[in-house]
């Protein structure tokens, strides 16, 4: 199994297979526009612009499980674009914990270790680095600044 065995739905409702990201390193982030870590959107966008021509993909997955997201995915995506200039793909709102956890996030958690163990995402802006083969390389805490992922990203490029 790898992330390539899963599907994701963009904020506009278009569903796609993550298999289309084969041979690309990916950073997957659970996001929330009203979170104190929301300025990380701007830092994530800087990383995306710096490395996208080398193949890096960043995927934002808004979640309202911590009660810090707007009502709809399109509102969240618009806020990210207008406030932080986000151009990387944003997706439908997902559950990252609990019985309705999105299958992709279930896989990510099962294949990485977090502060609360592999079964829980502590907060918004938990980040996962995935290699070109679709395997989870590393999990980062919400407080980890996106710039601190740069060395690891360069290792998987």
N, C-alpha and C. Protein backbone atom coordinates (compact mmCIF):
# COMPACT_ATOMS: atom_id res chain seq x y z
N UNK A 1 0.84 -1.20 0.00
CA UNK A 1 0.00 0.00 0.00
C UNK A 1 0.88 1.25 0.00
N UNK A 2 0.34 2.29 -0.63
CA UNK A 2 0.98 3.60 -0.63
C UNK A 2 -0.14 4.63 -0.80
N UNK A 3 0.21 5.91 -0.81
CA UNK A 3 -0.84 6.91 -1.02
C UNK A 3 -1.47 6.76 -2.40
N UNK A 4 -0.77 6.09 -3.30
CA UNK A 4 -1.29 5.91 -4.66
C UNK A 4 -2.51 5.01 -4.71
N UNK A 5 -2.83 4.34 -3.62
CA UNK A 5 -4.00 3.48 -3.56
C UNK A 5 -5.26 4.24 -3.13
N UNK A 6 -5.15 5.56 -2.96
CA UNK A 6 -6.25 6.36 -2.43
C UNK A 6 -6.71 7.42 -3.44
N UNK A 7 -7.88 7.96 -3.14
CA UNK A 7 -8.46 9.03 -3.95
C UNK A 7 -8.62 10.27 -3.08
N UNK A 8 -8.66 11.42 -3.72
CA UNK A 8 -8.89 12.68 -3.01
C UNK A 8 -9.87 13.50 -3.84
N UNK A 9 -10.57 14.40 -3.17
CA UNK A 9 -11.54 15.25 -3.85
C UNK A 9 -11.16 16.70 -3.65
N UNK A 10 -10.90 17.38 -4.77
CA UNK A 10 -10.55 18.80 -4.74
C UNK A 10 -11.72 19.62 -4.22
N UNK A 11 -11.42 20.85 -3.83
CA UNK A 11 -12.46 21.73 -3.27
C UNK A 11 -13.59 21.97 -4.25
N UNK A 12 -13.34 21.82 -5.55
CA UNK A 12 -14.38 22.02 -6.56
C UNK A 12 -15.23 20.78 -6.80
N UNK A 13 -14.93 19.69 -6.06
CA UNK A 13 -15.72 18.47 -6.17
C UNK A 13 -15.13 17.41 -7.09
N UNK A 14 -14.04 17.73 -7.78
CA UNK A 14 -13.40 16.77 -8.69
C UNK A 14 -12.59 15.75 -7.89
N UNK A 15 -12.93 14.47 -8.09
CA UNK A 15 -12.21 13.38 -7.42
C UNK A 15 -11.15 12.83 -8.36
N UNK A 16 -9.98 12.52 -7.81
CA UNK A 16 -8.89 11.98 -8.62
C UNK A 16 -8.12 10.94 -7.82
N UNK A 17 -7.42 10.08 -8.54
CA UNK A 17 -6.57 9.07 -7.92
C UNK A 17 -5.23 9.70 -7.58
N UNK A 18 -4.74 9.46 -6.38
CA UNK A 18 -3.43 9.96 -6.00
C UNK A 18 -2.32 9.28 -6.80
N UNK A 19 -2.69 8.24 -7.53
CA UNK A 19 -1.74 7.57 -8.41
C UNK A 19 -1.17 8.54 -9.45
N UNK A 20 -1.91 9.60 -9.75
CA UNK A 20 -1.41 10.57 -10.72
C UNK A 20 -0.20 11.35 -10.18
N UNK A 21 0.07 11.19 -8.89
CA UNK A 21 1.23 11.86 -8.27
C UNK A 21 2.46 10.96 -8.23
N UNK A 22 2.35 9.77 -8.84
CA UNK A 22 3.49 8.84 -8.85
C UNK A 22 4.74 9.56 -9.34
N UNK A 23 5.85 9.26 -8.70
CA UNK A 23 7.16 9.84 -9.01
C UNK A 23 7.30 11.30 -8.60
N UNK A 24 6.40 11.75 -7.73
CA UNK A 24 6.50 13.11 -7.17
C UNK A 24 6.54 13.02 -5.64
N UNK A 25 7.47 13.71 -5.01
CA UNK A 25 7.37 13.82 -3.55
C UNK A 25 6.18 14.71 -3.21
N UNK A 26 5.52 14.41 -2.10
CA UNK A 26 4.29 15.11 -1.74
C UNK A 26 4.34 15.51 -0.27
N UNK A 27 3.87 16.72 0.01
CA UNK A 27 3.62 17.15 1.39
C UNK A 27 2.11 17.24 1.53
N UNK A 28 1.57 16.51 2.49
CA UNK A 28 0.13 16.51 2.76
C UNK A 28 -0.09 17.17 4.11
N UNK A 29 -1.02 18.13 4.15
CA UNK A 29 -1.23 18.94 5.36
C UNK A 29 -2.71 19.02 5.67
N UNK A 30 -3.09 18.77 6.93
CA UNK A 30 -4.46 19.08 7.33
C UNK A 30 -4.48 20.54 7.78
N UNK A 31 -5.39 21.30 7.22
CA UNK A 31 -5.36 22.75 7.39
C UNK A 31 -6.64 23.28 8.03
N UNK A 32 -6.57 24.53 8.47
CA UNK A 32 -7.73 25.26 8.97
C UNK A 32 -7.42 26.75 8.85
N UNK A 33 -8.28 27.47 8.17
CA UNK A 33 -8.02 28.88 7.89
C UNK A 33 -8.12 29.78 9.11
N UNK A 34 -8.81 29.34 10.17
CA UNK A 34 -8.96 30.17 11.36
C UNK A 34 -8.03 29.74 12.49
N UNK A 35 -7.08 28.90 12.18
CA UNK A 35 -6.12 28.39 13.16
C UNK A 35 -4.98 29.38 13.36
N UNK A 36 -4.40 29.37 14.53
CA UNK A 36 -3.24 30.23 14.80
C UNK A 36 -2.05 29.89 13.93
N UNK A 37 -2.03 28.68 13.38
CA UNK A 37 -0.95 28.28 12.48
C UNK A 37 -1.24 28.62 11.03
N UNK A 38 -2.36 29.26 10.75
CA UNK A 38 -2.74 29.58 9.37
C UNK A 38 -1.66 30.34 8.59
N UNK A 39 -0.82 31.18 9.21
CA UNK A 39 0.26 31.81 8.44
C UNK A 39 1.19 30.81 7.76
N UNK A 40 1.14 29.53 8.19
CA UNK A 40 1.95 28.52 7.52
C UNK A 40 1.51 28.33 6.07
N UNK A 41 0.29 28.73 5.73
CA UNK A 41 -0.13 28.67 4.33
C UNK A 41 0.86 29.42 3.44
N UNK A 42 1.26 30.60 3.88
CA UNK A 42 2.21 31.40 3.11
C UNK A 42 3.55 30.72 2.98
N UNK A 43 4.00 30.10 4.06
CA UNK A 43 5.28 29.37 4.04
C UNK A 43 5.20 28.12 3.16
N UNK A 44 4.07 27.43 3.22
CA UNK A 44 3.87 26.26 2.37
C UNK A 44 3.88 26.67 0.90
N UNK A 45 3.26 27.81 0.61
CA UNK A 45 3.24 28.30 -0.77
C UNK A 45 4.66 28.64 -1.25
N UNK A 46 5.48 29.21 -0.37
CA UNK A 46 6.88 29.48 -0.73
C UNK A 46 7.63 28.20 -1.07
N UNK A 47 7.43 27.16 -0.26
CA UNK A 47 8.05 25.86 -0.54
C UNK A 47 7.57 25.31 -1.87
N UNK A 48 6.27 25.42 -2.10
CA UNK A 48 5.68 24.92 -3.34
C UNK A 48 6.29 25.62 -4.55
N UNK A 49 6.36 26.94 -4.49
CA UNK A 49 6.93 27.69 -5.62
C UNK A 49 8.41 27.34 -5.83
N UNK A 50 9.13 27.14 -4.73
CA UNK A 50 10.56 26.86 -4.83
C UNK A 50 10.83 25.49 -5.45
N UNK A 51 9.99 24.49 -5.12
CA UNK A 51 10.31 23.11 -5.50
C UNK A 51 9.34 22.47 -6.50
N UNK A 52 8.28 23.17 -6.90
CA UNK A 52 7.32 22.51 -7.78
C UNK A 52 7.92 22.15 -9.14
N UNK A 53 8.84 22.95 -9.65
CA UNK A 53 9.47 22.63 -10.93
C UNK A 53 10.40 21.41 -10.82
N UNK A 54 10.74 21.04 -9.58
CA UNK A 54 11.54 19.83 -9.36
C UNK A 54 10.64 18.64 -9.04
N UNK A 55 9.33 18.87 -9.03
CA UNK A 55 8.38 17.78 -8.86
C UNK A 55 7.58 17.78 -7.57
N UNK A 56 7.88 18.67 -6.61
CA UNK A 56 7.16 18.65 -5.34
C UNK A 56 5.69 19.03 -5.54
N UNK A 57 4.83 18.30 -4.86
CA UNK A 57 3.40 18.61 -4.82
C UNK A 57 3.03 18.82 -3.35
N UNK A 58 2.25 19.85 -3.08
CA UNK A 58 1.72 20.08 -1.74
C UNK A 58 0.20 19.98 -1.85
N UNK A 59 -0.40 19.23 -0.94
CA UNK A 59 -1.84 19.04 -0.92
C UNK A 59 -2.40 19.52 0.41
N UNK A 60 -3.34 20.45 0.36
CA UNK A 60 -3.99 20.94 1.56
C UNK A 60 -5.35 20.30 1.73
N UNK A 61 -5.61 19.78 2.93
CA UNK A 61 -6.87 19.14 3.26
C UNK A 61 -7.49 19.85 4.45
N UNK A 62 -8.43 20.76 4.22
CA UNK A 62 -9.07 21.44 5.34
C UNK A 62 -9.86 20.45 6.20
N UNK A 63 -9.85 20.71 7.48
CA UNK A 63 -10.61 19.90 8.42
C UNK A 63 -11.18 20.82 9.48
N UNK A 64 -12.42 20.55 9.86
CA UNK A 64 -13.04 21.36 10.92
C UNK A 64 -13.14 20.58 12.22
N UNK A 65 -12.35 19.53 12.36
CA UNK A 65 -12.43 18.73 13.58
C UNK A 65 -11.97 19.49 14.82
N UNK A 66 -11.20 20.54 14.61
CA UNK A 66 -10.74 21.34 15.75
C UNK A 66 -11.48 22.67 15.80
N UNK A 67 -12.58 22.75 15.04
CA UNK A 67 -13.51 23.90 15.05
C UNK A 67 -12.83 25.22 14.66
N UNK A 68 -11.95 25.14 13.63
CA UNK A 68 -11.24 26.34 13.20
C UNK A 68 -11.26 26.49 11.68
N UNK A 69 -12.27 25.93 11.04
CA UNK A 69 -12.35 26.01 9.59
C UNK A 69 -13.68 26.64 9.18
N UNK A 70 -13.69 27.21 7.99
CA UNK A 70 -14.91 27.78 7.43
C UNK A 70 -15.88 26.66 7.10
N UNK A 71 -17.10 27.02 6.72
CA UNK A 71 -18.15 26.03 6.53
C UNK A 71 -17.95 25.11 5.33
N UNK A 72 -17.38 25.63 4.25
CA UNK A 72 -17.25 24.81 3.05
C UNK A 72 -15.81 24.82 2.54
N UNK A 73 -15.50 23.81 1.73
CA UNK A 73 -14.17 23.71 1.14
C UNK A 73 -13.90 24.87 0.20
N UNK A 74 -14.91 25.30 -0.54
CA UNK A 74 -14.69 26.41 -1.47
C UNK A 74 -14.41 27.71 -0.71
N UNK A 75 -15.07 27.92 0.42
CA UNK A 75 -14.79 29.11 1.24
C UNK A 75 -13.36 29.04 1.79
N UNK A 76 -12.96 27.86 2.24
CA UNK A 76 -11.61 27.69 2.78
C UNK A 76 -10.57 27.94 1.69
N UNK A 77 -10.78 27.35 0.52
CA UNK A 77 -9.82 27.53 -0.58
C UNK A 77 -9.73 28.99 -0.99
N UNK A 78 -10.87 29.67 -1.06
CA UNK A 78 -10.87 31.08 -1.43
C UNK A 78 -10.11 31.92 -0.40
N UNK A 79 -10.32 31.63 0.87
CA UNK A 79 -9.60 32.35 1.93
C UNK A 79 -8.10 32.13 1.81
N UNK A 80 -7.69 30.90 1.50
CA UNK A 80 -6.26 30.58 1.35
C UNK A 80 -5.67 31.33 0.16
N UNK A 81 -6.41 31.40 -0.92
CA UNK A 81 -5.92 32.07 -2.12
C UNK A 81 -5.83 33.58 -1.90
N UNK A 82 -6.87 34.16 -1.32
CA UNK A 82 -6.90 35.61 -1.14
C UNK A 82 -5.95 36.09 -0.05
N UNK A 83 -5.88 35.38 1.04
CA UNK A 83 -5.07 35.82 2.18
C UNK A 83 -3.61 35.44 2.05
N UNK A 84 -3.33 34.23 1.52
CA UNK A 84 -1.96 33.73 1.51
C UNK A 84 -1.41 33.45 0.11
N UNK A 85 -2.20 33.68 -0.92
CA UNK A 85 -1.73 33.46 -2.29
C UNK A 85 -1.52 31.99 -2.63
N UNK A 86 -2.24 31.10 -1.97
CA UNK A 86 -2.07 29.66 -2.17
C UNK A 86 -2.44 29.26 -3.60
N UNK A 87 -1.53 28.53 -4.25
CA UNK A 87 -1.80 27.99 -5.58
C UNK A 87 -1.75 26.46 -5.59
N UNK A 88 -1.27 25.84 -4.50
CA UNK A 88 -1.25 24.38 -4.46
C UNK A 88 -2.68 23.88 -4.24
N UNK A 89 -2.95 22.62 -4.62
CA UNK A 89 -4.32 22.10 -4.56
C UNK A 89 -4.89 22.04 -3.14
N UNK A 90 -6.11 22.54 -3.02
CA UNK A 90 -6.87 22.43 -1.78
C UNK A 90 -8.03 21.46 -2.04
N UNK A 91 -8.45 20.78 -1.01
CA UNK A 91 -9.41 19.69 -1.13
C UNK A 91 -10.68 19.93 -0.32
N UNK A 92 -11.61 18.97 -0.43
CA UNK A 92 -12.82 18.99 0.37
C UNK A 92 -12.46 18.85 1.84
N UNK A 93 -13.33 19.32 2.72
CA UNK A 93 -13.13 19.13 4.15
C UNK A 93 -13.12 17.64 4.46
N UNK A 94 -12.18 17.22 5.31
CA UNK A 94 -12.06 15.81 5.68
C UNK A 94 -11.99 15.68 7.20
N UNK A 95 -12.35 14.49 7.66
CA UNK A 95 -12.13 14.12 9.06
C UNK A 95 -10.75 13.48 9.14
N UNK A 96 -9.95 13.93 10.09
CA UNK A 96 -8.60 13.39 10.25
C UNK A 96 -8.48 12.47 11.47
N UNK A 97 -9.51 12.45 12.29
CA UNK A 97 -9.57 11.59 13.47
C UNK A 97 -10.97 11.01 13.60
N UNK A 98 -11.09 9.98 14.40
CA UNK A 98 -12.40 9.42 14.72
C UNK A 98 -12.89 8.39 13.72
N UNK A 99 -14.13 7.97 13.91
CA UNK A 99 -14.67 6.87 13.10
C UNK A 99 -14.87 7.25 11.64
N UNK A 100 -14.96 8.54 11.32
CA UNK A 100 -15.15 8.98 9.93
C UNK A 100 -13.86 9.48 9.29
N UNK A 101 -12.72 9.07 9.84
CA UNK A 101 -11.43 9.51 9.31
C UNK A 101 -11.34 9.20 7.82
N UNK A 102 -10.91 10.18 7.05
CA UNK A 102 -10.68 9.98 5.62
C UNK A 102 -9.68 8.84 5.45
N UNK A 103 -9.91 7.92 4.50
CA UNK A 103 -9.01 6.77 4.32
C UNK A 103 -7.54 7.17 4.10
N UNK A 104 -7.29 8.26 3.38
CA UNK A 104 -5.91 8.70 3.18
C UNK A 104 -5.27 9.05 4.51
N UNK A 105 -5.98 9.77 5.36
CA UNK A 105 -5.40 10.16 6.66
C UNK A 105 -5.27 8.96 7.59
N UNK A 106 -6.15 8.00 7.46
CA UNK A 106 -5.98 6.77 8.24
C UNK A 106 -4.66 6.11 7.84
N UNK A 107 -4.41 6.02 6.53
CA UNK A 107 -3.16 5.43 6.05
C UNK A 107 -1.95 6.25 6.54
N UNK A 108 -2.02 7.57 6.41
CA UNK A 108 -0.90 8.42 6.83
C UNK A 108 -0.58 8.22 8.32
N UNK A 109 -1.62 8.17 9.14
CA UNK A 109 -1.41 8.00 10.58
C UNK A 109 -0.85 6.62 10.91
N UNK A 110 -1.35 5.60 10.21
CA UNK A 110 -0.89 4.24 10.48
C UNK A 110 0.57 4.03 10.06
N UNK A 111 1.06 4.88 9.18
CA UNK A 111 2.41 4.70 8.65
C UNK A 111 3.37 5.78 9.12
N UNK A 112 3.02 6.43 10.22
CA UNK A 112 3.90 7.44 10.83
C UNK A 112 3.59 7.50 12.31
N UNK A 113 4.48 8.09 13.06
CA UNK A 113 4.26 8.23 14.49
C UNK A 113 4.16 9.71 14.85
N UNK A 114 3.15 10.04 15.63
CA UNK A 114 2.98 11.41 16.10
C UNK A 114 3.16 11.46 17.60
N UNK A 115 3.01 12.65 18.15
CA UNK A 115 3.20 12.83 19.59
C UNK A 115 2.21 12.01 20.41
N UNK A 116 1.01 11.81 19.89
CA UNK A 116 -0.01 11.06 20.61
C UNK A 116 -0.13 9.64 20.08
N UNK A 117 0.91 9.16 19.41
CA UNK A 117 0.86 7.84 18.80
C UNK A 117 0.35 7.96 17.37
N UNK A 118 0.29 6.85 16.69
CA UNK A 118 -0.05 6.90 15.28
C UNK A 118 -1.54 7.08 15.03
N UNK A 119 -2.38 6.93 16.04
CA UNK A 119 -3.82 6.93 15.80
C UNK A 119 -4.48 8.31 15.88
N UNK A 120 -3.75 9.33 16.25
CA UNK A 120 -4.36 10.64 16.44
C UNK A 120 -3.55 11.75 15.79
N UNK A 121 -4.26 12.68 15.18
CA UNK A 121 -3.64 13.93 14.74
C UNK A 121 -3.94 14.95 15.82
N UNK A 122 -2.89 15.55 16.34
CA UNK A 122 -3.01 16.42 17.51
C UNK A 122 -3.74 17.72 17.20
N UNK A 123 -3.46 18.30 16.01
CA UNK A 123 -3.99 19.64 15.73
C UNK A 123 -3.87 19.92 14.24
N UNK A 124 -4.41 21.04 13.84
CA UNK A 124 -4.28 21.50 12.46
C UNK A 124 -2.80 21.69 12.10
N UNK A 125 -2.51 21.55 10.83
CA UNK A 125 -1.18 21.75 10.26
C UNK A 125 -0.19 20.65 10.64
N UNK A 126 -0.72 19.46 10.91
CA UNK A 126 0.15 18.28 10.95
C UNK A 126 0.53 18.02 9.50
N UNK A 127 1.81 17.78 9.27
CA UNK A 127 2.32 17.63 7.91
C UNK A 127 2.95 16.25 7.73
N UNK A 128 2.76 15.69 6.52
CA UNK A 128 3.33 14.39 6.18
C UNK A 128 4.14 14.55 4.91
N UNK A 129 5.37 14.06 4.92
CA UNK A 129 6.21 14.04 3.73
C UNK A 129 6.16 12.64 3.16
N UNK A 130 5.86 12.56 1.86
CA UNK A 130 5.73 11.29 1.16
C UNK A 130 6.76 11.27 0.03
N UNK A 131 7.45 10.11 -0.13
CA UNK A 131 8.47 10.02 -1.18
C UNK A 131 7.86 9.75 -2.55
N UNK A 132 8.71 9.65 -3.56
CA UNK A 132 8.25 9.47 -4.94
C UNK A 132 7.54 8.14 -5.16
N UNK A 133 7.73 7.19 -4.24
CA UNK A 133 7.07 5.89 -4.35
C UNK A 133 5.74 5.85 -3.59
N UNK A 134 5.39 6.98 -2.97
CA UNK A 134 4.11 7.06 -2.27
C UNK A 134 4.15 6.60 -0.82
N UNK A 135 5.35 6.46 -0.26
CA UNK A 135 5.51 6.02 1.12
C UNK A 135 5.72 7.21 2.06
N UNK A 136 5.14 7.12 3.26
CA UNK A 136 5.33 8.17 4.25
C UNK A 136 6.77 8.14 4.74
N UNK A 137 7.45 9.28 4.62
CA UNK A 137 8.83 9.40 5.06
C UNK A 137 8.89 9.96 6.47
N UNK A 138 8.07 10.98 6.73
CA UNK A 138 8.15 11.64 8.02
C UNK A 138 6.85 12.38 8.30
N UNK A 139 6.56 12.50 9.59
CA UNK A 139 5.41 13.25 10.08
C UNK A 139 5.94 14.42 10.89
N UNK A 140 5.32 15.60 10.71
CA UNK A 140 5.78 16.81 11.41
C UNK A 140 4.65 17.37 12.26
N UNK A 141 5.01 17.86 13.42
CA UNK A 141 4.05 18.47 14.33
C UNK A 141 3.49 19.76 13.76
N UNK A 142 2.30 20.17 14.22
CA UNK A 142 1.71 21.42 13.74
C UNK A 142 2.64 22.62 13.90
N UNK A 143 3.39 22.67 14.99
CA UNK A 143 4.25 23.83 15.24
C UNK A 143 5.49 23.85 14.34
N UNK A 144 5.80 22.72 13.68
CA UNK A 144 6.96 22.68 12.80
C UNK A 144 6.72 23.60 11.61
N UNK A 145 7.61 24.55 11.45
CA UNK A 145 7.48 25.51 10.34
C UNK A 145 7.78 24.81 9.02
N UNK A 146 7.03 25.13 7.97
CA UNK A 146 7.28 24.50 6.67
C UNK A 146 8.73 24.62 6.20
N UNK A 147 9.41 25.72 6.51
CA UNK A 147 10.81 25.86 6.08
C UNK A 147 11.70 24.78 6.69
N UNK A 148 11.26 24.24 7.84
CA UNK A 148 12.03 23.19 8.50
C UNK A 148 11.89 21.83 7.81
N UNK A 149 11.03 21.74 6.81
CA UNK A 149 10.88 20.52 6.02
C UNK A 149 11.84 20.50 4.84
N UNK A 150 12.45 21.64 4.55
CA UNK A 150 13.21 21.83 3.32
C UNK A 150 14.31 20.79 3.13
N UNK A 151 15.10 20.51 4.13
CA UNK A 151 16.19 19.53 3.98
C UNK A 151 15.64 18.15 3.65
N UNK A 152 14.55 17.77 4.33
CA UNK A 152 13.94 16.46 4.06
C UNK A 152 13.34 16.42 2.65
N UNK A 153 12.75 17.53 2.22
CA UNK A 153 12.19 17.60 0.86
C UNK A 153 13.31 17.41 -0.16
N UNK A 154 14.42 18.08 0.06
CA UNK A 154 15.54 17.95 -0.87
C UNK A 154 16.05 16.51 -0.94
N UNK A 155 15.99 15.80 0.19
CA UNK A 155 16.42 14.41 0.22
C UNK A 155 15.54 13.50 -0.64
N UNK A 156 14.24 13.83 -0.77
CA UNK A 156 13.35 12.96 -1.54
C UNK A 156 13.14 13.44 -2.98
N UNK A 157 13.70 14.59 -3.32
CA UNK A 157 13.52 15.09 -4.70
C UNK A 157 14.26 14.26 -5.71
